[in-house]
Amino acid sequence: ANDLGMEIALDFAIQCSPDHPYVKEHPDWFKWRPDGTVQYAENPP
């Protein structure tokens, strides 16, 4: 891309799937619900 005069823009999304290593390595980086599951993203509905 650079050789053609273009630069790379990468998406930086601060979110994780439930399988992301952070979920096990840093559980305190996420919100946990009373039933023991992690709070997933919501934008009702």
PDB file of all heavy atoms in Angstrom:
ATOM      1  N   ALA A   1       0.835  -1.204   0.000  1.00  0.00           N
ATOM      2  CA  ALA A   1       0.000   0.000   0.000  1.00  0.00           C
ATOM      3  C   ALA A   1       0.869   1.252   0.000  1.00  0.00           C
ATOM      4  O   ALA A   1       0.626   2.201  -0.767  1.00  0.00           O
ATOM      5  CB  ALA A   1      -0.929  -0.011   1.211  1.00  0.00           C
ATOM      6  N   ASN A   2       1.888   1.268   0.854  1.00  0.00           N
ATOM      7  CA  ASN A   2       2.786   2.427   0.921  1.00  0.00           C
ATOM      8  C   ASN A   2       3.472   2.681  -0.415  1.00  0.00           C
ATOM      9  O   ASN A   2       3.640   3.831  -0.840  1.00  0.00           O
ATOM     10  CB  ASN A   2       3.841   2.231   2.008  1.00  0.00           C
ATOM     11  CG  ASN A   2       3.277   2.200   3.417  1.00  0.00           C
ATOM     12  OD1 ASN A   2       3.949   1.768   4.352  1.00  0.00           O
ATOM     13  ND2 ASN A   2       2.048   2.639   3.592  1.00  0.00           N
ATOM     14  N   ASP A   3       3.866   1.613  -1.093  1.00  0.00           N
ATOM     15  CA  ASP A   3       4.535   1.753  -2.390  1.00  0.00           C
ATOM     16  C   ASP A   3       3.616   2.395  -3.425  1.00  0.00           C
ATOM     17  O   ASP A   3       4.095   2.993  -4.403  1.00  0.00           O
ATOM     18  CB  ASP A   3       5.009   0.390  -2.890  1.00  0.00           C
ATOM     19  CG  ASP A   3       6.188  -0.155  -2.086  1.00  0.00           C
ATOM     20  OD1 ASP A   3       6.812   0.633  -1.341  1.00  0.00           O
ATOM     21  OD2 ASP A   3       6.473  -1.362  -2.191  1.00  0.00           O
ATOM     22  N   LEU A   4       2.309   2.270  -3.217  1.00  0.00           N
ATOM     23  CA  LEU A   4       1.325   2.861  -4.122  1.00  0.00           C
ATOM     24  C   LEU A   4       0.837   4.226  -3.639  1.00  0.00           C
ATOM     25  O   LEU A   4      -0.116   4.787  -4.190  1.00  0.00           O
ATOM     26  CB  LEU A   4       0.133   1.910  -4.282  1.00  0.00           C
ATOM     27  CG  LEU A   4       0.419   0.613  -5.045  1.00  0.00           C
ATOM     28  CD1 LEU A   4      -0.727  -0.378  -4.864  1.00  0.00           C
ATOM     29  CD2 LEU A   4       0.646   0.907  -6.523  1.00  0.00           C
ATOM     30  N   GLY A   5       1.491   4.747  -2.592  1.00  0.00           N
ATOM     31  CA  GLY A   5       1.133   6.070  -2.088  1.00  0.00           C
ATOM     32  C   GLY A   5      -0.051   6.079  -1.142  1.00  0.00           C
ATOM     33  O   GLY A   5      -0.683   7.120  -0.945  1.00  0.00           O
ATOM     34  N   MET A   6      -0.349   4.930  -0.529  1.00  0.00           N
ATOM     35  CA  MET A   6      -1.485   4.837   0.387  1.00  0.00           C
ATOM     36  C   MET A   6      -1.010   4.420   1.775  1.00  0.00           C
ATOM     37  O   MET A   6      -0.037   3.685   1.919  1.00  0.00           O
ATOM     38  CB  MET A   6      -2.512   3.824  -0.141  1.00  0.00           C
ATOM     39  CG  MET A   6      -3.090   4.198  -1.498  1.00  0.00           C
ATOM     40  SD  MET A   6      -4.374   3.054  -2.101  1.00  0.00           S
ATOM     41  CE  MET A   6      -3.404   1.579  -2.418  1.00  0.00           C
ATOM     42  N   GLU A   7      -1.718   4.895   2.797  1.00  0.00           N
ATOM     43  CA  GLU A   7      -1.431   4.529   4.180  1.00  0.00           C
ATOM     44  C   GLU A   7      -2.532   3.608   4.709  1.00  0.00           C
ATOM     45  O   GLU A   7      -3.669   3.635   4.212  1.00  0.00           O
ATOM     46  CB  GLU A   7      -1.341   5.779   5.055  1.00  0.00           C
ATOM     47  CG  GLU A   7      -0.230   6.730   4.654  1.00  0.00           C
ATOM     48  CD  GLU A   7      -0.136   7.937   5.570  1.00  0.00           C
ATOM     49  OE1 GLU A   7      -0.284   7.773   6.803  1.00  0.00           O
ATOM     50  OE2 GLU A   7       0.071   9.055   5.058  1.00  0.00           O
ATOM     51  N   ILE A   8      -2.186   2.846   5.725  1.00  0.00           N
ATOM     52  CA  ILE A   8      -3.144   1.906   6.309  1.00  0.00           C
ATOM     53  C   ILE A   8      -3.753   2.511   7.572  1.00  0.00           C
ATOM     54  O   ILE A   8      -3.047   2.939   8.481  1.00  0.00           O
ATOM     55  CB  ILE A   8      -2.476   0.561   6.653  1.00  0.00           C
ATOM     56  CG1 ILE A   8      -1.929  -0.082   5.382  1.00  0.00           C
ATOM     57  CG2 ILE A   8      -3.471  -0.372   7.346  1.00  0.00           C
ATOM     58  CD1 ILE A   8      -2.962  -0.343   4.309  1.00  0.00           C
ATOM     59  N   ALA A   9      -5.080   2.518   7.597  1.00  0.00           N
ATOM     60  CA  ALA A   9      -5.834   2.884   8.802  1.00  0.00           C
ATOM     61  C   ALA A   9      -6.443   1.609   9.365  1.00  0.00           C
ATOM     62  O   ALA A   9      -7.133   0.873   8.650  1.00  0.00           O
ATOM     63  CB  ALA A   9      -6.926   3.891   8.468  1.00  0.00           C
ATOM     64  N   LEU A  10      -6.195   1.354  10.617  1.00  0.00           N
ATOM     65  CA  LEU A  10      -6.693   0.143  11.264  1.00  0.00           C
ATOM     66  C   LEU A  10      -7.806   0.502  12.230  1.00  0.00           C
ATOM     67  O   LEU A  10      -7.766   1.540  12.887  1.00  0.00           O
ATOM     68  CB  LEU A  10      -5.553  -0.544  12.016  1.00  0.00           C
ATOM     69  CG  LEU A  10      -5.730  -2.037  12.344  1.00  0.00           C
ATOM     70  CD1 LEU A  10      -5.905  -2.855  11.088  1.00  0.00           C
ATOM     71  CD2 LEU A  10      -4.524  -2.524  13.137  1.00  0.00           C
ATOM     72  N   ASP A  11      -8.797  -0.359  12.304  1.00  0.00           N
ATOM     73  CA  ASP A  11      -9.883  -0.148  13.258  1.00  0.00           C
ATOM     74  C   ASP A  11      -9.387  -0.438  14.664  1.00  0.00           C
ATOM     75  O   ASP A  11      -8.751  -1.469  14.914  1.00  0.00           O
ATOM     76  CB  ASP A  11     -11.050  -1.073  12.907  1.00  0.00           C
ATOM     77  CG  ASP A  11     -12.356  -0.626  13.545  1.00  0.00           C
ATOM     78  OD1 ASP A  11     -12.470  -0.712  14.778  1.00  0.00           O
ATOM     79  OD2 ASP A  11     -13.247  -0.178  12.813  1.00  0.00           O
ATOM     80  N   PHE A  12      -9.654   0.476  15.573  1.00  0.00           N
ATOM     81  CA  PHE A  12      -9.319   0.277  16.988  1.00  0.00           C
ATOM     82  C   PHE A  12     -10.625   0.251  17.759  1.00  0.00           C
ATOM     83  O   PHE A  12     -11.221   1.294  18.039  1.00  0.00           O
ATOM     84  CB  PHE A  12      -8.411   1.397  17.475  1.00  0.00           C
ATOM     85  CG  PHE A  12      -7.947   1.248  18.905  1.00  0.00           C
ATOM     86  CD1 PHE A  12      -7.614   0.010  19.427  1.00  0.00           C
ATOM     87  CD2 PHE A  12      -7.838   2.356  19.727  1.00  0.00           C
ATOM     88  CE1 PHE A  12      -7.182  -0.123  20.747  1.00  0.00           C
ATOM     89  CE2 PHE A  12      -7.406   2.251  21.035  1.00  0.00           C
ATOM     90  CZ  PHE A  12      -7.079   1.003  21.544  1.00  0.00           C
ATOM     91  N   ALA A  13     -11.076  -0.963  18.069  1.00  0.00           N
ATOM     92  CA  ALA A  13     -12.346  -1.153  18.760  1.00  0.00           C
ATOM     93  C   ALA A  13     -12.062  -1.722  20.142  1.00  0.00           C
ATOM     94  O   ALA A  13     -11.578  -2.858  20.267  1.00  0.00           O
ATOM     95  CB  ALA A  13     -13.257  -2.094  17.975  1.00  0.00           C
ATOM     96  N   ILE A  14     -12.367  -0.954  21.172  1.00  0.00           N
ATOM     97  CA  ILE A  14     -12.099  -1.399  22.547  1.00  0.00           C
ATOM     98  C   ILE A  14     -13.298  -2.201  23.032  1.00  0.00           C
ATOM     99  O   ILE A  14     -14.205  -1.689  23.707  1.00  0.00           O
ATOM    100  CB  ILE A  14     -11.801  -0.201  23.463  1.00  0.00           C
ATOM    101  CG1 ILE A  14     -10.603   0.582  22.914  1.00  0.00           C
ATOM    102  CG2 ILE A  14     -11.509  -0.673  24.886  1.00  0.00           C
ATOM    103  CD1 ILE A  14     -10.233   1.796  23.733  1.00  0.00           C
ATOM    104  N   GLN A  15     -13.305  -3.453  22.632  1.00  0.00           N
ATOM    105  CA  GLN A  15     -14.349  -4.396  23.041  1.00  0.00           C
ATOM    106  C   GLN A  15     -13.821  -5.786  22.772  1.00  0.00           C
ATOM    107  O   GLN A  15     -12.866  -5.969  22.028  1.00  0.00           O
ATOM    108  CB  GLN A  15     -15.630  -4.147  22.255  1.00  0.00           C
ATOM    109  CG  GLN A  15     -15.439  -4.242  20.745  1.00  0.00           C
ATOM    110  CD  GLN A  15     -16.526  -3.526  19.980  1.00  0.00           C
ATOM    111  OE1 GLN A  15     -17.004  -2.468  20.383  1.00  0.00           O
ATOM    112  NE2 GLN A  15     -16.921  -4.098  18.849  1.00  0.00           N
ATOM    113  N   CYS A  16     -14.432  -6.778  23.377  1.00  0.00           N
ATOM    114  CA  CYS A  16     -13.908  -8.136  23.305  1.00  0.00           C
ATOM    115  C   CYS A  16     -15.040  -9.135  23.118  1.00  0.00           C
ATOM    116  O   CYS A  16     -16.151  -8.930  23.626  1.00  0.00           O
ATOM    117  CB  CYS A  16     -13.160  -8.491  24.593  1.00  0.00           C
ATOM    118  SG  CYS A  16     -11.808  -7.365  25.010  1.00  0.00           S
ATOM    119  N   SER A  17     -14.733 -10.208  22.422  1.00  0.00           N
ATOM    120  CA  SER A  17     -15.667 -11.325  22.417  1.00  0.00           C
ATOM    121  C   SER A  17     -15.545 -12.036  23.772  1.00  0.00           C
ATOM    122  O   SER A  17     -14.559 -11.841  24.495  1.00  0.00           O
ATOM    123  CB  SER A  17     -15.330 -12.293  21.284  1.00  0.00           C
ATOM    124  OG  SER A  17     -14.339 -13.211  21.697  1.00  0.00           O
ATOM    125  N   PRO A  18     -16.524 -12.868  24.131  1.00  0.00           N
ATOM    126  CA  PRO A  18     -16.394 -13.618  25.394  1.00  0.00           C
ATOM    127  C   PRO A  18     -15.173 -14.528  25.422  1.00  0.00           C
ATOM    128  O   PRO A  18     -14.759 -14.970  26.499  1.00  0.00           O
ATOM    129  CB  PRO A  18     -17.696 -14.430  25.437  1.00  0.00           C
ATOM    130  CG  PRO A  18     -18.661 -13.653  24.597  1.00  0.00           C
ATOM    131  CD  PRO A  18     -17.823 -13.070  23.494  1.00  0.00           C
ATOM    132  N   ASP A  19     -14.583 -14.799  24.235  1.00  0.00           N
ATOM    133  CA  ASP A  19     -13.444 -15.712  24.153  1.00  0.00           C
ATOM    134  C   ASP A  19     -12.103 -14.983  24.161  1.00  0.00           C
ATOM    135  O   ASP A  19     -11.052 -15.616  24.044  1.00  0.00           O
ATOM    136  CB  ASP A  19     -13.549 -16.542  22.863  1.00  0.00           C
ATOM    137  CG  ASP A  19     -14.882 -17.258  22.756  1.00  0.00           C
ATOM    138  OD1 ASP A  19     -15.349 -17.792  23.775  1.00  0.00           O
ATOM    139  OD2 ASP A  19     -15.467 -17.267  21.652  1.00  0.00           O
ATOM    140  N   HIS A  20     -12.133 -13.659  24.270  1.00  0.00           N
ATOM    141  CA  HIS A  20     -10.896 -12.868  24.261  1.00  0.00           C
ATOM    142  C   HIS A  20     -10.041 -13.241  25.468  1.00  0.00           C
ATOM    143  O   HIS A  20     -10.557 -13.444  26.574  1.00  0.00           O
ATOM    144  CB  HIS A  20     -11.236 -11.384  24.305  1.00  0.00           C
ATOM    145  CG  HIS A  20     -10.115 -10.474  23.923  1.00  0.00           C
ATOM    146  ND1 HIS A  20      -8.950 -10.353  24.658  1.00  0.00           N
ATOM    147  CD2 HIS A  20      -9.971  -9.614  22.863  1.00  0.00           C
ATOM    148  CE1 HIS A  20      -8.160  -9.464  24.087  1.00  0.00           C
ATOM    149  NE2 HIS A  20      -8.757  -8.998  22.992  1.00  0.00           N
ATOM    150  N   PRO A  21      -8.712 -13.362  25.295  1.00  0.00           N
ATOM    151  CA  PRO A  21      -7.843 -13.692  26.437  1.00  0.00           C
ATOM    152  C   PRO A  21      -8.007 -12.755  27.621  1.00  0.00           C
ATOM    153  O   PRO A  21      -7.819 -13.176  28.782  1.00  0.00           O
ATOM    154  CB  PRO A  21      -6.429 -13.583  25.834  1.00  0.00           C
ATOM    155  CG  PRO A  21      -6.615 -13.860  24.383  1.00  0.00           C
ATOM    156  CD  PRO A  21      -7.959 -13.288  24.033  1.00  0.00           C
ATOM    157  N   TYR A  22      -8.356 -11.485  27.373  1.00  0.00           N
ATOM    158  CA  TYR A  22      -8.521 -10.546  28.480  1.00  0.00           C
ATOM    159  C   TYR A  22      -9.595 -10.999  29.468  1.00  0.00           C
ATOM    160  O   TYR A  22      -9.519 -10.675  30.663  1.00  0.00           O
ATOM    161  CB  TYR A  22      -8.923  -9.161  27.952  1.00  0.00           C
ATOM    162  CG  TYR A  22      -7.844  -8.387  27.244  1.00  0.00           C
ATOM    163  CD1 TYR A  22      -8.180  -7.295  26.437  1.00  0.00           C
ATOM    164  CD2 TYR A  22      -6.495  -8.712  27.378  1.00  0.00           C
ATOM    165  CE1 TYR A  22      -7.209  -6.558  25.773  1.00  0.00           C
ATOM    166  CE2 TYR A  22      -5.526  -7.987  26.707  1.00  0.00           C
ATOM    167  CZ  TYR A  22      -5.888  -6.907  25.902  1.00  0.00           C
ATOM    168  OH  TYR A  22      -4.935  -6.184  25.249  1.00  0.00           O
ATOM    169  N   VAL A  23     -10.603 -11.682  28.988  1.00  0.00           N
ATOM    170  CA  VAL A  23     -11.726 -12.053  29.860  1.00  0.00           C
ATOM    171  C   VAL A  23     -11.254 -12.979  30.970  1.00  0.00           C
ATOM    172  O   VAL A  23     -11.695 -12.866  32.127  1.00  0.00           O
ATOM    173  CB  VAL A  23     -12.861 -12.690  29.041  1.00  0.00           C
ATOM    174  CG1 VAL A  23     -14.019 -13.100  29.960  1.00  0.00           C
ATOM    175  CG2 VAL A  23     -13.359 -11.724  27.964  1.00  0.00           C
ATOM    176  N   LYS A  24     -10.323 -13.877  30.646  1.00  0.00           N
ATOM    177  CA  LYS A  24      -9.788 -14.782  31.670  1.00  0.00           C
ATOM    178  C   LYS A  24      -8.618 -14.159  32.420  1.00  0.00           C
ATOM    179  O   LYS A  24      -8.491 -14.314  33.637  1.00  0.00           O
ATOM    180  CB  LYS A  24      -9.338 -16.091  31.016  1.00  0.00           C
ATOM    181  CG  LYS A  24     -10.488 -16.977  30.548  1.00  0.00           C
ATOM    182  CD  LYS A  24      -9.964 -18.299  29.990  1.00  0.00           C
ATOM    183  CE  LYS A  24     -11.115 -19.198  29.544  1.00  0.00           C
ATOM    184  NZ  LYS A  24     -10.613 -20.483  28.982  1.00  0.00           N
ATOM    185  N   GLU A  25      -7.778 -13.444  31.691  1.00  0.00           N
ATOM    186  CA  GLU A  25      -6.572 -12.890  32.311  1.00  0.00           C
ATOM    187  C   GLU A  25      -6.863 -11.673  33.180  1.00  0.00           C
ATOM    188  O   GLU A  25      -6.165 -11.417  34.163  1.00  0.00           O
ATOM    189  CB  GLU A  25      -5.568 -12.515  31.221  1.00  0.00           C
ATOM    190  CG  GLU A  25      -5.071 -13.696  30.409  1.00  0.00           C
ATOM    191  CD  GLU A  25      -4.274 -13.272  29.185  1.00  0.00           C
ATOM    192  OE1 GLU A  25      -4.092 -12.037  28.999  1.00  0.00           O
ATOM    193  OE2 GLU A  25      -3.849 -14.146  28.411  1.00  0.00           O
ATOM    194  N   HIS A  26      -7.874 -10.884  32.810  1.00  0.00           N
ATOM    195  CA  HIS A  26      -8.203  -9.653  33.535  1.00  0.00           C
ATOM    196  C   HIS A  26      -9.721  -9.567  33.733  1.00  0.00           C
ATOM    197  O   HIS A  26     -10.378  -8.669  33.188  1.00  0.00           O
ATOM    198  CB  HIS A  26      -7.703  -8.425  32.770  1.00  0.00           C
ATOM    199  CG  HIS A  26      -6.228  -8.420  32.516  1.00  0.00           C
ATOM    200  ND1 HIS A  26      -5.315  -8.047  33.473  1.00  0.00           N
ATOM    201  CD2 HIS A  26      -5.518  -8.764  31.406  1.00  0.00           C
ATOM    202  CE1 HIS A  26      -4.089  -8.140  32.961  1.00  0.00           C
ATOM    203  NE2 HIS A  26      -4.186  -8.579  31.714  1.00  0.00           N
ATOM    204  N   PRO A  27     -10.295 -10.455  34.503  1.00  0.00           N
ATOM    205  CA  PRO A  27     -11.762 -10.445  34.665  1.00  0.00           C
ATOM    206  C   PRO A  27     -12.287  -9.142  35.250  1.00  0.00           C
ATOM    207  O   PRO A  27     -13.434  -8.767  35.007  1.00  0.00           O
ATOM    208  CB  PRO A  27     -12.014 -11.625  35.610  1.00  0.00           C
ATOM    209  CG  PRO A  27     -10.703 -11.864  36.300  1.00  0.00           C
ATOM    210  CD  PRO A  27      -9.653 -11.518  35.297  1.00  0.00           C
ATOM    211  N   ASP A  28     -11.416  -8.422  36.004  1.00  0.00           N
ATOM    212  CA  ASP A  28     -11.871  -7.167  36.609  1.00  0.00           C
ATOM    213  C   ASP A  28     -11.950  -6.029  35.599  1.00  0.00           C
ATOM    214  O   ASP A  28     -12.356  -4.920  35.947  1.00  0.00           O
ATOM    215  CB  ASP A  28     -10.964  -6.767  37.774  1.00  0.00           C
ATOM    216  CG  ASP A  28      -9.490  -6.823  37.426  1.00  0.00           C
ATOM    217  OD1 ASP A  28      -9.132  -7.505  36.446  1.00  0.00           O
ATOM    218  OD2 ASP A  28      -8.680  -6.181  38.123  1.00  0.00           O
ATOM    219  N   TRP A  29     -11.585  -6.290  34.345  1.00  0.00           N
ATOM    220  CA  TRP A  29     -11.743  -5.289  33.299  1.00  0.00           C
ATOM    221  C   TRP A  29     -13.136  -5.330  32.673  1.00  0.00           C
ATOM    222  O   TRP A  29     -13.419  -4.580  31.740  1.00  0.00           O
ATOM    223  CB  TRP A  29     -10.704  -5.489  32.196  1.00  0.00           C
ATOM    224  CG  TRP A  29      -9.296  -5.138  32.626  1.00  0.00           C
ATOM    225  CD1 TRP A  29      -8.891  -4.683  33.841  1.00  0.00           C
ATOM    226  CD2 TRP A  29      -8.117  -5.235  31.815  1.00  0.00           C
ATOM    227  NE1 TRP A  29      -7.536  -4.479  33.871  1.00  0.00           N
ATOM    228  CE2 TRP A  29      -7.025  -4.814  32.632  1.00  0.00           C
ATOM    229  CE3 TRP A  29      -7.865  -5.632  30.518  1.00  0.00           C
ATOM    230  CZ2 TRP A  29      -5.709  -4.792  32.162  1.00  0.00           C
ATOM    231  CZ3 TRP A  29      -6.557  -5.605  30.040  1.00  0.00           C
ATOM    232  CH2 TRP A  29      -5.493  -5.184  30.858  1.00  0.00           C
ATOM    233  N   PHE A  30     -14.000  -6.181  33.198  1.00  0.00           N
ATOM    234  CA  PHE A  30     -15.347  -6.339  32.647  1.00  0.00           C
ATOM    235  C   PHE A  30     -16.370  -6.297  33.773  1.00  0.00           C
ATOM    236  O   PHE A  30     -16.038  -6.464  34.951  1.00  0.00           O
ATOM    237  CB  PHE A  30     -15.456  -7.663  31.884  1.00  0.00           C
ATOM    238  CG  PHE A  30     -14.445  -7.801  30.773  1.00  0.00           C
ATOM    239  CD1 PHE A  30     -13.184  -8.345  31.018  1.00  0.00           C
ATOM    240  CD2 PHE A  30     -14.733  -7.341  29.506  1.00  0.00           C
ATOM    241  CE1 PHE A  30     -12.240  -8.444  30.017  1.00  0.00           C
ATOM    242  CE2 PHE A  30     -13.793  -7.446  28.489  1.00  0.00           C
ATOM    243  CZ  PHE A  30     -12.541  -7.996  28.743  1.00  0.00           C
ATOM    244  N   LYS A  31     -17.608  -6.043  33.409  1.00  0.00           N
ATOM    245  CA  LYS A  31     -18.691  -6.035  34.379  1.00  0.00           C
ATOM    246  C   LYS A  31     -19.340  -7.415  34.430  1.00  0.00           C
ATOM    247  O   LYS A  31     -19.697  -7.978  33.400  1.00  0.00           O
ATOM    248  CB  LYS A  31     -19.737  -4.981  34.006  1.00  0.00           C
ATOM    249  CG  LYS A  31     -19.273  -3.553  34.225  1.00  0.00           C
ATOM    250  CD  LYS A  31     -20.389  -2.558  33.947  1.00  0.00           C
ATOM    251  CE  LYS A  31     -19.922  -1.129  34.213  1.00  0.00           C
ATOM    252  NZ  LYS A  31     -20.989  -0.134  33.948  1.00  0.00           N
ATOM    253  N   TRP A  32     -19.505  -7.909  35.657  1.00  0.00           N
ATOM    254  CA  TRP A  32     -20.098  -9.230  35.849  1.00  0.00           C
ATOM    255  C   TRP A  32     -21.482  -9.082  36.480  1.00  0.00           C
ATOM    256  O   TRP A  32     -21.664  -8.318  37.416  1.00  0.00           O
ATOM    257  CB  TRP A  32     -19.193 -10.096  36.724  1.00  0.00           C
ATOM    258  CG  TRP A  32     -17.873 -10.365  36.056  1.00  0.00           C
ATOM    259  CD1 TRP A  32     -16.794  -9.554  36.020  1.00  0.00           C
ATOM    260  CD2 TRP A  32     -17.542 -11.511  35.283  1.00  0.00           C
ATOM    261  NE1 TRP A  32     -15.777 -10.110  35.287  1.00  0.00           N
ATOM    262  CE2 TRP A  32     -16.213 -11.334  34.819  1.00  0.00           C
ATOM    263  CE3 TRP A  32     -18.222 -12.681  34.949  1.00  0.00           C
ATOM    264  CZ2 TRP A  32     -15.559 -12.280  34.027  1.00  0.00           C
ATOM    265  CZ3 TRP A  32     -17.565 -13.632  34.165  1.00  0.00           C
ATOM    266  CH2 TRP A  32     -16.251 -13.415  33.705  1.00  0.00           C
ATOM    267  N   ARG A  33     -22.413  -9.820  35.943  1.00  0.00           N
ATOM    268  CA  ARG A  33     -23.789  -9.751  36.432  1.00  0.00           C
ATOM    269  C   ARG A  33     -23.990 -10.728  37.591  1.00  0.00           C
ATOM    270  O   ARG A  33     -23.163 -11.620  37.817  1.00  0.00           O
ATOM    271  CB  ARG A  33     -24.746 -10.067  35.288  1.00  0.00           C
ATOM    272  CG  ARG A  33     -24.575  -9.111  34.112  1.00  0.00           C
ATOM    273  CD  ARG A  33     -25.666  -9.249  33.076  1.00  0.00           C
ATOM    274  NE  ARG A  33     -25.706 -10.573  32.483  1.00  0.00           N
ATOM    275  CZ  ARG A  33     -26.589 -10.958  31.563  1.00  0.00           C
ATOM    276  NH1 ARG A  33     -27.513 -10.099  31.145  1.00  0.00           N
ATOM    277  NH2 ARG A  33     -26.571 -12.172  31.058  1.00  0.00           N
ATOM    278  N   PRO A  34     -25.082 -10.578  38.341  1.00  0.00           N
ATOM    279  CA  PRO A  34     -25.310 -11.449  39.504  1.00  0.00           C
ATOM    280  C   PRO A  34     -25.346 -12.930  39.182  1.00  0.00           C
ATOM    281  O   PRO A  34     -25.053 -13.766  40.046  1.00  0.00           O
ATOM    282  CB  PRO A  34     -26.676 -10.971  40.026  1.00  0.00           C
ATOM    283  CG  PRO A  34     -26.758  -9.551  39.601  1.00  0.00           C
ATOM    284  CD  PRO A  34     -26.073  -9.492  38.274  1.00  0.00           C
ATOM    285  N   ASP A  35     -25.678 -13.284  37.923  1.00  0.00           N
ATOM    286  CA  ASP A  35     -25.743 -14.707  37.576  1.00  0.00           C
ATOM    287  C   ASP A  35     -24.401 -15.264  37.144  1.00  0.00           C
ATOM    288  O   ASP A  35     -24.299 -16.408  36.685  1.00  0.00           O
ATOM    289  CB  ASP A  35     -26.785 -14.947  36.479  1.00  0.00           C
ATOM    290  CG  ASP A  35     -26.432 -14.230  35.174  1.00  0.00           C
ATOM    291  OD1 ASP A  35     -25.409 -13.512  35.149  1.00  0.00           O
ATOM    292  OD2 ASP A  35     -27.176 -14.402  34.188  1.00  0.00           O
ATOM    293  N   GLY A  36     -23.329 -14.459  37.273  1.00  0.00           N
ATOM    294  CA  GLY A  36     -21.998 -14.940  36.946  1.00  0.00           C
ATOM    295  C   GLY A  36     -21.596 -14.768  35.504  1.00  0.00           C
ATOM    296  O   GLY A  36     -20.485 -15.171  35.112  1.00  0.00           O
ATOM    297  N   THR A  37     -22.459 -14.180  34.693  1.00  0.00           N
ATOM    298  CA  THR A  37     -22.120 -13.935  33.296  1.00  0.00           C
ATOM    299  C   THR A  37     -21.599 -12.513  33.135  1.00  0.00           C
ATOM    300  O   THR A  37     -21.838 -11.645  33.978  1.00  0.00           O
ATOM    301  CB  THR A  37     -23.338 -14.142  32.377  1.00  0.00           C
ATOM    302  OG1 THR A  37     -24.373 -13.223  32.764  1.00  0.00           O
ATOM    303  CG2 THR A  37     -23.855 -15.571  32.482  1.00  0.00           C
ATOM    304  N   VAL A  38     -20.907 -12.299  32.026  1.00  0.00           N
ATOM    305  CA  VAL A  38     -20.352 -10.978  31.752  1.00  0.00           C
ATOM    306  C   VAL A  38     -21.394 -10.133  31.037  1.00  0.00           C
ATOM    307  O   VAL A  38     -22.130 -10.616  30.184  1.00  0.00           O
ATOM    308  CB  VAL A  38     -19.083 -11.091  30.882  1.00  0.00           C
ATOM    309  CG1 VAL A  38     -18.437  -9.718  30.698  1.00  0.00           C
ATOM    310  CG2 VAL A  38     -18.088 -12.050  31.506  1.00  0.00           C
ATOM    311  N   GLN A  39     -21.454  -8.860  31.399  1.00  0.00           N
ATOM    312  CA  GLN A  39     -22.395  -7.947  30.754  1.00  0.00           C
ATOM    313  C   GLN A  39     -21.957  -7.684  29.315  1.00  0.00           C
ATOM    314  O   GLN A  39     -20.886  -7.153  29.064  1.00  0.00           O
ATOM    315  CB  GLN A  39     -22.440  -6.621  31.516  1.00  0.00           C
ATOM    316  CG  GLN A  39     -23.326  -5.567  30.874  1.00  0.00           C
ATOM    317  CD  GLN A  39     -24.787  -5.972  30.869  1.00  0.00           C
ATOM    318  OE1 GLN A  39     -25.355  -6.248  31.912  1.00  0.00           O
ATOM    319  NE2 GLN A  39     -25.376  -6.035  29.683  1.00  0.00           N
ATOM    320  N   TYR A  40     -22.781  -8.078  28.357  1.00  0.00           N
ATOM    321  CA  TYR A  40     -22.463  -7.809  26.957  1.00  0.00           C
ATOM    322  C   TYR A  40     -22.987  -6.444  26.555  1.00  0.00           C
ATOM    323  O   TYR A  40     -23.699  -5.774  27.290  1.00  0.00           O
ATOM    324  CB  TYR A  40     -22.994  -8.911  26.036  1.00  0.00           C
ATOM    325  CG  TYR A  40     -24.478  -9.183  26.144  1.00  0.00           C
ATOM    326  CD1 TYR A  40     -25.424  -8.332  25.571  1.00  0.00           C
ATOM    327  CD2 TYR A  40     -24.950 -10.323  26.810  1.00  0.00           C
ATOM    328  CE1 TYR A  40     -26.779  -8.586  25.663  1.00  0.00           C
ATOM    329  CE2 TYR A  40     -26.303 -10.589  26.902  1.00  0.00           C
ATOM    330  CZ  TYR A  40     -27.212  -9.721  26.324  1.00  0.00           C
ATOM    331  OH  TYR A  40     -28.561  -9.977  26.421  1.00  0.00           O
ATOM    332  N   ALA A  41     -22.611  -6.032  25.355  1.00  0.00           N
ATOM    333  CA  ALA A  41     -22.978  -4.700  24.880  1.00  0.00           C
ATOM    334  C   ALA A  41     -24.446  -4.645  24.509  1.00  0.00           C
ATOM    335  O   ALA A  41     -25.002  -5.596  23.950  1.00  0.00           O
ATOM    336  CB  ALA A  41     -22.113  -4.322  23.676  1.00  0.00           C
ATOM    337  N   GLU A  42     -25.076  -3.530  24.814  1.00  0.00           N
ATOM    338  CA  GLU A  42     -26.483  -3.341  24.486  1.00  0.00           C
ATOM    339  C   GLU A  42     -26.711  -1.925  23.967  1.00  0.00           C
ATOM    340  O   GLU A  42     -26.054  -0.985  24.378  1.00  0.00           O
ATOM    341  CB  GLU A  42     -27.369  -3.569  25.713  1.00  0.00           C
ATOM    342  CG  GLU A  42     -27.433  -5.001  26.179  1.00  0.00           C
ATOM    343  CD  GLU A  42     -28.426  -5.165  27.322  1.00  0.00           C
ATOM    344  OE1 GLU A  42     -28.132  -4.660  28.417  1.00  0.00           O
ATOM    345  OE2 GLU A  42     -29.481  -5.771  27.107  1.00  0.00           O
ATOM    346  N   ASN A  43     -27.639  -1.822  23.059  1.00  0.00           N
ATOM    347  CA  ASN A  43     -28.126  -0.536  22.574  1.00  0.00           C
ATOM    348  C   ASN A  43     -29.605  -0.746  22.265  1.00  0.00           C
ATOM    349  O   ASN A  43     -29.988  -0.891  21.107  1.00  0.00           O
ATOM    350  CB  ASN A  43     -27.364  -0.090  21.325  1.00  0.00           C
ATOM    351  CG  ASN A  43     -27.802   1.275  20.833  1.00  0.00           C
ATOM    352  OD1 ASN A  43     -28.426   2.042  21.565  1.00  0.00           O
ATOM    353  ND2 ASN A  43     -27.497   1.576  19.580  1.00  0.00           N
ATOM    354  N   PRO A  44     -30.420  -0.868  23.348  1.00  0.00           N
ATOM    355  CA  PRO A  44     -31.813  -1.299  23.196  1.00  0.00           C
ATOM    356  C   PRO A  44     -32.498  -0.625  22.022  1.00  0.00           C
ATOM    357  O   PRO A  44     -32.325   0.578  21.812  1.00  0.00           O
ATOM    358  CB  PRO A  44     -32.449  -0.891  24.525  1.00  0.00           C
ATOM    359  CG  PRO A  44     -31.308  -0.865  25.490  1.00  0.00           C
ATOM    360  CD  PRO A  44     -30.116  -0.418  24.699  1.00  0.00           C
ATOM    361  N   PRO A  45     -33.229  -1.406  21.210  1.00  0.00           N
ATOM    362  CA  PRO A  45     -33.557  -2.821  21.423  1.00  0.00           C
ATOM    363  C   PRO A  45     -32.493  -3.786  20.928  1.00  0.00           C
ATOM    364  O   PRO A  45     -32.667  -5.006  21.029  1.00  0.00           O
ATOM    365  CB  PRO A  45     -34.837  -2.986  20.602  1.00  0.00           C
ATOM    366  CG  PRO A  45     -34.651  -2.040  19.466  1.00  0.00           C
ATOM    367  CD  PRO A  45     -33.942  -0.849  20.042  1.00  0.00           C
TER     368      PRO A  45
END
